[in-house]
Amino acid sequence: MKKCFIIGPLTEGAEADKRADWVYRTVDEGLKPLDYKTEHVRNINIPGVAMQEITRHLVEDDIVVADLAIDDPNVYYEMAIRHAVGKPIINLGMSKQPRNLVTDLLRHWRKLAFARYSLNGQTRRRR
């Protein structure tokens, strides 16, 4: 079985948790028919060794999906590790993200953009 690791903001709160769950479900549903096992960075909760486990996923897993909808330095750091080992990464982002230094730097990278996401189970996706 192939492995997919999902990285995204570690921001806490009800809305952030719902968004992370939505991203996980959407990616998992899309990759399951292709025989991928998905794991989200938020599910790694091993005290003291979390960064080692995250780094292992970034280096070893077949695909990494990066949720770029919210600016988060951890996501950019994790993306840099993945790029350093030269393995595939899929970037997800909002179709209308506010411009800032980071989005200006990343704008030349391709990303799958979505306009909206629904938290009530009726997902609307846009590519």
N, C-alpha and C. Protein backbone atom coordinates (compact mmCIF):
# COMPACT_ATOMS: atom_id res chain seq x y z
N MET A 1 0.85 -1.19 0.00
CA MET A 1 0.00 0.00 0.00
C MET A 1 0.89 1.24 0.00
N LYS A 2 0.53 2.20 -0.85
CA LYS A 2 1.27 3.45 -0.93
C LYS A 2 0.81 4.37 0.21
N LYS A 3 1.68 5.34 0.54
CA LYS A 3 1.38 6.25 1.65
C LYS A 3 1.32 7.69 1.20
N CYS A 4 0.35 8.42 1.77
CA CYS A 4 0.19 9.85 1.53
C CYS A 4 0.16 10.54 2.89
N PHE A 5 0.98 11.57 3.04
CA PHE A 5 1.03 12.34 4.28
C PHE A 5 0.49 13.73 4.00
N ILE A 6 -0.44 14.19 4.82
CA ILE A 6 -1.07 15.49 4.64
C ILE A 6 -0.50 16.45 5.68
N ILE A 7 0.08 17.55 5.20
CA ILE A 7 0.58 18.58 6.11
C ILE A 7 -0.33 19.79 6.01
N GLY A 8 -0.49 20.47 7.13
CA GLY A 8 -1.36 21.64 7.16
C GLY A 8 -1.19 22.38 8.46
N PRO A 9 -1.87 23.49 8.60
CA PRO A 9 -1.75 24.30 9.80
C PRO A 9 -2.11 23.51 11.06
N LEU A 10 -1.37 23.76 12.11
CA LEU A 10 -1.64 23.12 13.39
C LEU A 10 -2.43 24.04 14.31
N THR A 11 -3.02 25.07 13.73
CA THR A 11 -3.85 26.00 14.48
C THR A 11 -4.97 25.24 15.17
N GLU A 12 -5.23 25.61 16.42
CA GLU A 12 -6.29 24.94 17.16
C GLU A 12 -7.57 25.77 17.12
N GLY A 13 -8.66 25.10 17.34
CA GLY A 13 -9.96 25.76 17.35
C GLY A 13 -10.94 24.97 16.52
N ALA A 14 -12.20 25.19 16.77
CA ALA A 14 -13.25 24.42 16.11
C ALA A 14 -13.20 24.54 14.60
N GLU A 15 -13.06 25.76 14.08
CA GLU A 15 -13.05 25.95 12.63
C GLU A 15 -11.81 25.31 12.00
N ALA A 16 -10.66 25.47 12.63
CA ALA A 16 -9.43 24.86 12.09
C ALA A 16 -9.52 23.34 12.12
N ASP A 17 -10.11 22.80 13.17
CA ASP A 17 -10.27 21.34 13.26
C ASP A 17 -11.21 20.83 12.16
N LYS A 18 -12.31 21.54 11.94
CA LYS A 18 -13.26 21.14 10.90
C LYS A 18 -12.61 21.19 9.53
N ARG A 19 -11.84 22.24 9.28
CA ARG A 19 -11.16 22.38 7.99
C ARG A 19 -10.15 21.24 7.79
N ALA A 20 -9.36 20.95 8.81
CA ALA A 20 -8.37 19.87 8.72
C ALA A 20 -9.07 18.53 8.46
N ASP A 21 -10.18 18.30 9.13
CA ASP A 21 -10.95 17.07 8.91
C ASP A 21 -11.48 17.01 7.48
N TRP A 22 -11.95 18.14 6.97
CA TRP A 22 -12.47 18.19 5.60
C TRP A 22 -11.36 17.87 4.60
N VAL A 23 -10.18 18.48 4.77
CA VAL A 23 -9.06 18.22 3.86
C VAL A 23 -8.69 16.74 3.93
N TYR A 24 -8.61 16.18 5.14
CA TYR A 24 -8.25 14.77 5.28
C TYR A 24 -9.26 13.87 4.56
N ARG A 25 -10.55 14.10 4.83
CA ARG A 25 -11.60 13.27 4.20
C ARG A 25 -11.55 13.37 2.67
N THR A 26 -11.39 14.58 2.17
CA THR A 26 -11.38 14.79 0.72
C THR A 26 -10.20 14.08 0.07
N VAL A 27 -9.01 14.24 0.65
CA VAL A 27 -7.82 13.59 0.08
C VAL A 27 -7.93 12.08 0.23
N ASP A 28 -8.37 11.62 1.40
CA ASP A 28 -8.49 10.18 1.65
C ASP A 28 -9.47 9.53 0.66
N GLU A 29 -10.62 10.17 0.46
CA GLU A 29 -11.61 9.64 -0.49
C GLU A 29 -11.05 9.59 -1.91
N GLY A 30 -10.27 10.60 -2.27
CA GLY A 30 -9.72 10.64 -3.62
C GLY A 30 -8.61 9.63 -3.86
N LEU A 31 -7.84 9.32 -2.84
CA LEU A 31 -6.70 8.42 -3.01
C LEU A 31 -6.98 6.97 -2.63
N LYS A 32 -8.02 6.73 -1.89
CA LYS A 32 -8.34 5.35 -1.48
C LYS A 32 -8.48 4.40 -2.66
N PRO A 33 -9.19 4.78 -3.74
CA PRO A 33 -9.30 3.87 -4.88
C PRO A 33 -7.95 3.58 -5.55
N LEU A 34 -6.94 4.43 -5.28
CA LEU A 34 -5.62 4.24 -5.86
C LEU A 34 -4.69 3.49 -4.91
N ASP A 35 -5.27 2.91 -3.85
CA ASP A 35 -4.55 2.10 -2.88
C ASP A 35 -3.54 2.90 -2.06
N TYR A 36 -3.96 4.09 -1.62
CA TYR A 36 -3.14 4.91 -0.73
C TYR A 36 -3.71 4.89 0.67
N LYS A 37 -2.82 4.86 1.64
CA LYS A 37 -3.19 5.06 3.04
C LYS A 37 -2.79 6.49 3.39
N THR A 38 -3.73 7.28 3.91
CA THR A 38 -3.44 8.68 4.23
C THR A 38 -3.32 8.88 5.73
N GLU A 39 -2.45 9.80 6.08
CA GLU A 39 -2.29 10.20 7.47
C GLU A 39 -2.11 11.71 7.51
N HIS A 40 -2.75 12.34 8.48
CA HIS A 40 -2.67 13.80 8.63
C HIS A 40 -1.70 14.13 9.75
N VAL A 41 -0.96 15.21 9.55
CA VAL A 41 0.04 15.65 10.53
C VAL A 41 -0.59 15.83 11.92
N ARG A 42 -1.85 16.22 11.97
CA ARG A 42 -2.53 16.43 13.26
C ARG A 42 -2.71 15.15 14.05
N ASN A 43 -2.60 14.00 13.40
CA ASN A 43 -2.79 12.73 14.09
C ASN A 43 -1.51 12.20 14.71
N ILE A 44 -0.41 12.90 14.54
CA ILE A 44 0.85 12.49 15.15
C ILE A 44 0.95 13.19 16.49
N ASN A 45 0.82 12.43 17.53
CA ASN A 45 0.84 13.02 18.87
C ASN A 45 1.71 12.20 19.82
N ILE A 46 2.91 11.88 19.35
CA ILE A 46 3.85 11.13 20.16
C ILE A 46 4.73 12.14 20.89
N PRO A 47 4.60 12.27 22.20
CA PRO A 47 5.37 13.26 22.93
C PRO A 47 6.87 13.09 22.73
N GLY A 48 7.53 14.21 22.42
CA GLY A 48 8.98 14.20 22.32
C GLY A 48 9.55 13.78 20.98
N VAL A 49 8.81 13.00 20.22
CA VAL A 49 9.36 12.52 18.94
C VAL A 49 8.47 12.89 17.75
N ALA A 50 7.56 13.81 17.94
CA ALA A 50 6.63 14.18 16.86
C ALA A 50 7.39 14.67 15.63
N MET A 51 8.38 15.53 15.79
CA MET A 51 9.09 16.06 14.63
C MET A 51 9.87 14.96 13.91
N GLN A 52 10.41 14.02 14.65
CA GLN A 52 11.10 12.89 14.02
C GLN A 52 10.12 12.07 13.17
N GLU A 53 8.93 11.85 13.70
CA GLU A 53 7.91 11.09 12.97
C GLU A 53 7.43 11.86 11.74
N ILE A 54 7.23 13.16 11.89
CA ILE A 54 6.82 13.99 10.75
C ILE A 54 7.90 13.97 9.68
N THR A 55 9.15 14.12 10.08
CA THR A 55 10.26 14.10 9.12
C THR A 55 10.33 12.75 8.40
N ARG A 56 10.11 11.68 9.12
CA ARG A 56 10.11 10.34 8.49
C ARG A 56 9.06 10.27 7.39
N HIS A 57 7.85 10.77 7.68
CA HIS A 57 6.78 10.78 6.67
C HIS A 57 7.18 11.65 5.48
N LEU A 58 7.74 12.82 5.75
CA LEU A 58 8.12 13.74 4.68
C LEU A 58 9.17 13.13 3.76
N VAL A 59 10.07 12.35 4.32
CA VAL A 59 11.16 11.76 3.54
C VAL A 59 10.73 10.46 2.86
N GLU A 60 9.91 9.65 3.52
CA GLU A 60 9.63 8.30 3.04
C GLU A 60 8.32 8.12 2.28
N ASP A 61 7.28 8.87 2.62
CA ASP A 61 5.97 8.62 2.01
C ASP A 61 5.97 8.92 0.51
N ASP A 62 5.08 8.23 -0.20
CA ASP A 62 5.03 8.34 -1.66
C ASP A 62 4.58 9.73 -2.12
N ILE A 63 3.59 10.29 -1.45
CA ILE A 63 3.05 11.61 -1.80
C ILE A 63 2.84 12.41 -0.52
N VAL A 64 3.07 13.72 -0.61
CA VAL A 64 2.71 14.64 0.46
C VAL A 64 1.75 15.65 -0.12
N VAL A 65 0.67 15.92 0.61
CA VAL A 65 -0.29 16.95 0.22
C VAL A 65 -0.15 18.09 1.22
N ALA A 66 0.07 19.31 0.72
CA ALA A 66 0.25 20.48 1.57
C ALA A 66 -0.98 21.38 1.49
N ASP A 67 -1.60 21.62 2.63
CA ASP A 67 -2.75 22.52 2.72
C ASP A 67 -2.21 23.93 2.94
N LEU A 68 -2.30 24.76 1.91
CA LEU A 68 -1.73 26.11 1.95
C LEU A 68 -2.79 27.20 2.12
N ALA A 69 -3.99 26.83 2.49
CA ALA A 69 -5.07 27.82 2.58
C ALA A 69 -4.85 28.83 3.70
N ILE A 70 -4.11 28.45 4.72
CA ILE A 70 -3.82 29.34 5.84
C ILE A 70 -2.30 29.43 5.96
N ASP A 71 -1.77 30.66 6.10
CA ASP A 71 -0.33 30.82 6.28
C ASP A 71 0.11 30.15 7.58
N ASP A 72 1.07 29.26 7.47
CA ASP A 72 1.59 28.58 8.65
C ASP A 72 3.06 28.25 8.41
N PRO A 73 3.96 28.81 9.20
CA PRO A 73 5.40 28.56 9.00
C PRO A 73 5.77 27.08 9.07
N ASN A 74 5.06 26.30 9.88
CA ASN A 74 5.37 24.87 9.96
C ASN A 74 5.15 24.19 8.61
N VAL A 75 4.10 24.56 7.91
CA VAL A 75 3.81 23.96 6.61
C VAL A 75 4.94 24.28 5.63
N TYR A 76 5.41 25.51 5.62
CA TYR A 76 6.48 25.90 4.70
C TYR A 76 7.78 25.16 5.04
N TYR A 77 8.06 25.00 6.32
CA TYR A 77 9.24 24.25 6.76
C TYR A 77 9.14 22.79 6.29
N GLU A 78 7.98 22.19 6.49
CA GLU A 78 7.77 20.80 6.08
C GLU A 78 7.85 20.66 4.56
N MET A 79 7.33 21.65 3.82
CA MET A 79 7.44 21.63 2.36
C MET A 79 8.91 21.68 1.93
N ALA A 80 9.71 22.48 2.63
CA ALA A 80 11.13 22.60 2.29
C ALA A 80 11.84 21.26 2.47
N ILE A 81 11.51 20.54 3.53
CA ILE A 81 12.11 19.21 3.74
C ILE A 81 11.73 18.30 2.58
N ARG A 82 10.47 18.31 2.20
CA ARG A 82 10.00 17.44 1.12
C ARG A 82 10.69 17.80 -0.20
N HIS A 83 10.79 19.08 -0.49
CA HIS A 83 11.46 19.50 -1.72
C HIS A 83 12.95 19.14 -1.70
N ALA A 84 13.57 19.20 -0.54
CA ALA A 84 15.00 18.87 -0.42
C ALA A 84 15.28 17.42 -0.79
N VAL A 85 14.32 16.52 -0.50
CA VAL A 85 14.53 15.11 -0.85
C VAL A 85 14.04 14.80 -2.27
N GLY A 86 13.45 15.79 -2.93
CA GLY A 86 13.07 15.64 -4.33
C GLY A 86 11.91 14.71 -4.60
N LYS A 87 10.97 14.64 -3.68
CA LYS A 87 9.81 13.76 -3.87
C LYS A 87 8.56 14.59 -4.14
N PRO A 88 7.52 13.97 -4.72
CA PRO A 88 6.32 14.71 -5.14
C PRO A 88 5.54 15.33 -3.97
N ILE A 89 5.03 16.52 -4.24
CA ILE A 89 4.18 17.22 -3.28
C ILE A 89 3.02 17.84 -4.06
N ILE A 90 1.83 17.73 -3.52
CA ILE A 90 0.64 18.33 -4.13
C ILE A 90 0.23 19.49 -3.24
N ASN A 91 0.11 20.67 -3.83
CA ASN A 91 -0.25 21.88 -3.09
C ASN A 91 -1.74 22.16 -3.24
N LEU A 92 -2.41 22.34 -2.10
CA LEU A 92 -3.82 22.72 -2.09
C LEU A 92 -3.93 24.15 -1.58
N GLY A 93 -4.79 24.93 -2.18
CA GLY A 93 -4.97 26.29 -1.70
C GLY A 93 -6.31 26.84 -2.12
N MET A 94 -6.68 27.94 -1.52
CA MET A 94 -7.92 28.61 -1.87
C MET A 94 -7.73 29.32 -3.21
N SER A 95 -8.78 29.39 -4.00
CA SER A 95 -8.68 30.03 -5.30
C SER A 95 -8.49 31.54 -5.16
N LYS A 96 -8.96 32.11 -4.07
CA LYS A 96 -8.80 33.55 -3.85
C LYS A 96 -8.13 33.77 -2.50
N GLN A 97 -6.83 33.50 -2.46
CA GLN A 97 -6.07 33.73 -1.23
C GLN A 97 -5.58 35.16 -1.19
N PRO A 98 -5.55 35.75 0.01
CA PRO A 98 -5.00 37.10 0.11
C PRO A 98 -3.51 37.09 -0.23
N ARG A 99 -3.05 38.14 -0.87
CA ARG A 99 -1.63 38.21 -1.25
C ARG A 99 -0.79 38.64 -0.07
N ASN A 100 0.34 38.00 0.07
CA ASN A 100 1.34 38.38 1.05
C ASN A 100 2.67 37.88 0.53
N LEU A 101 3.73 38.04 1.30
CA LEU A 101 5.06 37.64 0.85
C LEU A 101 5.11 36.17 0.47
N VAL A 102 4.53 35.31 1.30
CA VAL A 102 4.60 33.87 1.05
C VAL A 102 3.80 33.48 -0.19
N THR A 103 2.59 33.99 -0.31
CA THR A 103 1.80 33.63 -1.50
C THR A 103 2.44 34.18 -2.76
N ASP A 104 3.13 35.32 -2.66
CA ASP A 104 3.86 35.84 -3.82
C ASP A 104 5.00 34.90 -4.21
N LEU A 105 5.69 34.36 -3.22
CA LEU A 105 6.79 33.43 -3.50
C LEU A 105 6.29 32.11 -4.07
N LEU A 106 5.11 31.67 -3.62
CA LEU A 106 4.58 30.37 -4.04
C LEU A 106 3.69 30.43 -5.27
N ARG A 107 3.38 31.62 -5.75
CA ARG A 107 2.38 31.73 -6.82
C ARG A 107 2.81 31.06 -8.12
N HIS A 108 4.11 30.87 -8.35
CA HIS A 108 4.54 30.21 -9.58
C HIS A 108 4.47 28.68 -9.47
N TRP A 109 4.17 28.15 -8.30
CA TRP A 109 3.98 26.71 -8.15
C TRP A 109 2.54 26.37 -8.48
N ARG A 110 2.36 25.27 -9.14
CA ARG A 110 0.99 24.83 -9.42
C ARG A 110 0.33 24.35 -8.14
N LYS A 111 -0.96 24.59 -8.07
CA LYS A 111 -1.72 24.11 -6.92
C LYS A 111 -3.11 23.74 -7.37
N LEU A 112 -3.72 22.85 -6.62
CA LEU A 112 -5.14 22.55 -6.81
C LEU A 112 -5.88 23.56 -5.95
N ALA A 113 -6.72 24.34 -6.58
CA ALA A 113 -7.43 25.39 -5.85
C ALA A 113 -8.88 25.02 -5.68
N PHE A 114 -9.41 25.37 -4.52
CA PHE A 114 -10.83 25.17 -4.29
C PHE A 114 -11.43 26.49 -3.85
N ALA A 115 -12.65 26.73 -4.30
CA ALA A 115 -13.30 27.99 -4.01
C ALA A 115 -13.96 27.98 -2.64
N ARG A 116 -14.56 26.85 -2.30
CA ARG A 116 -15.28 26.74 -1.03
C ARG A 116 -15.17 25.32 -0.54
N TYR A 117 -15.40 25.17 0.72
CA TYR A 117 -15.56 23.82 1.24
C TYR A 117 -16.73 23.83 2.19
N SER A 118 -17.41 22.73 2.24
CA SER A 118 -18.61 22.64 3.06
C SER A 118 -18.33 21.71 4.23
N LEU A 119 -18.74 22.13 5.39
CA LEU A 119 -18.50 21.31 6.58
C LEU A 119 -19.68 20.40 6.90
N ASN A 120 -20.73 20.47 6.08
CA ASN A 120 -21.90 19.64 6.37
C ASN A 120 -21.95 18.39 5.52
N GLY A 121 -20.82 18.05 4.90
CA GLY A 121 -20.77 16.80 4.15
C GLY A 121 -21.03 16.96 2.66
N GLN A 122 -21.53 18.09 2.24
CA GLN A 122 -21.77 18.31 0.81
C GLN A 122 -20.61 19.14 0.27
N THR A 123 -19.59 18.45 -0.15
CA THR A 123 -18.36 19.09 -0.58
C THR A 123 -18.50 19.67 -1.97
N ARG A 124 -18.06 20.89 -2.13
CA ARG A 124 -18.02 21.51 -3.45
C ARG A 124 -16.55 21.73 -3.77
N ARG A 125 -16.08 21.08 -4.80
CA ARG A 125 -14.68 21.19 -5.17
C ARG A 125 -14.55 21.95 -6.48
N ARG A 126 -13.46 22.65 -6.57
CA ARG A 126 -13.19 23.38 -7.81
C ARG A 126 -11.71 23.20 -8.13
N ARG A 127 -11.42 22.92 -9.39
CA ARG A 127 -10.00 22.75 -9.81
C ARG A 127 -9.58 23.89 -10.67
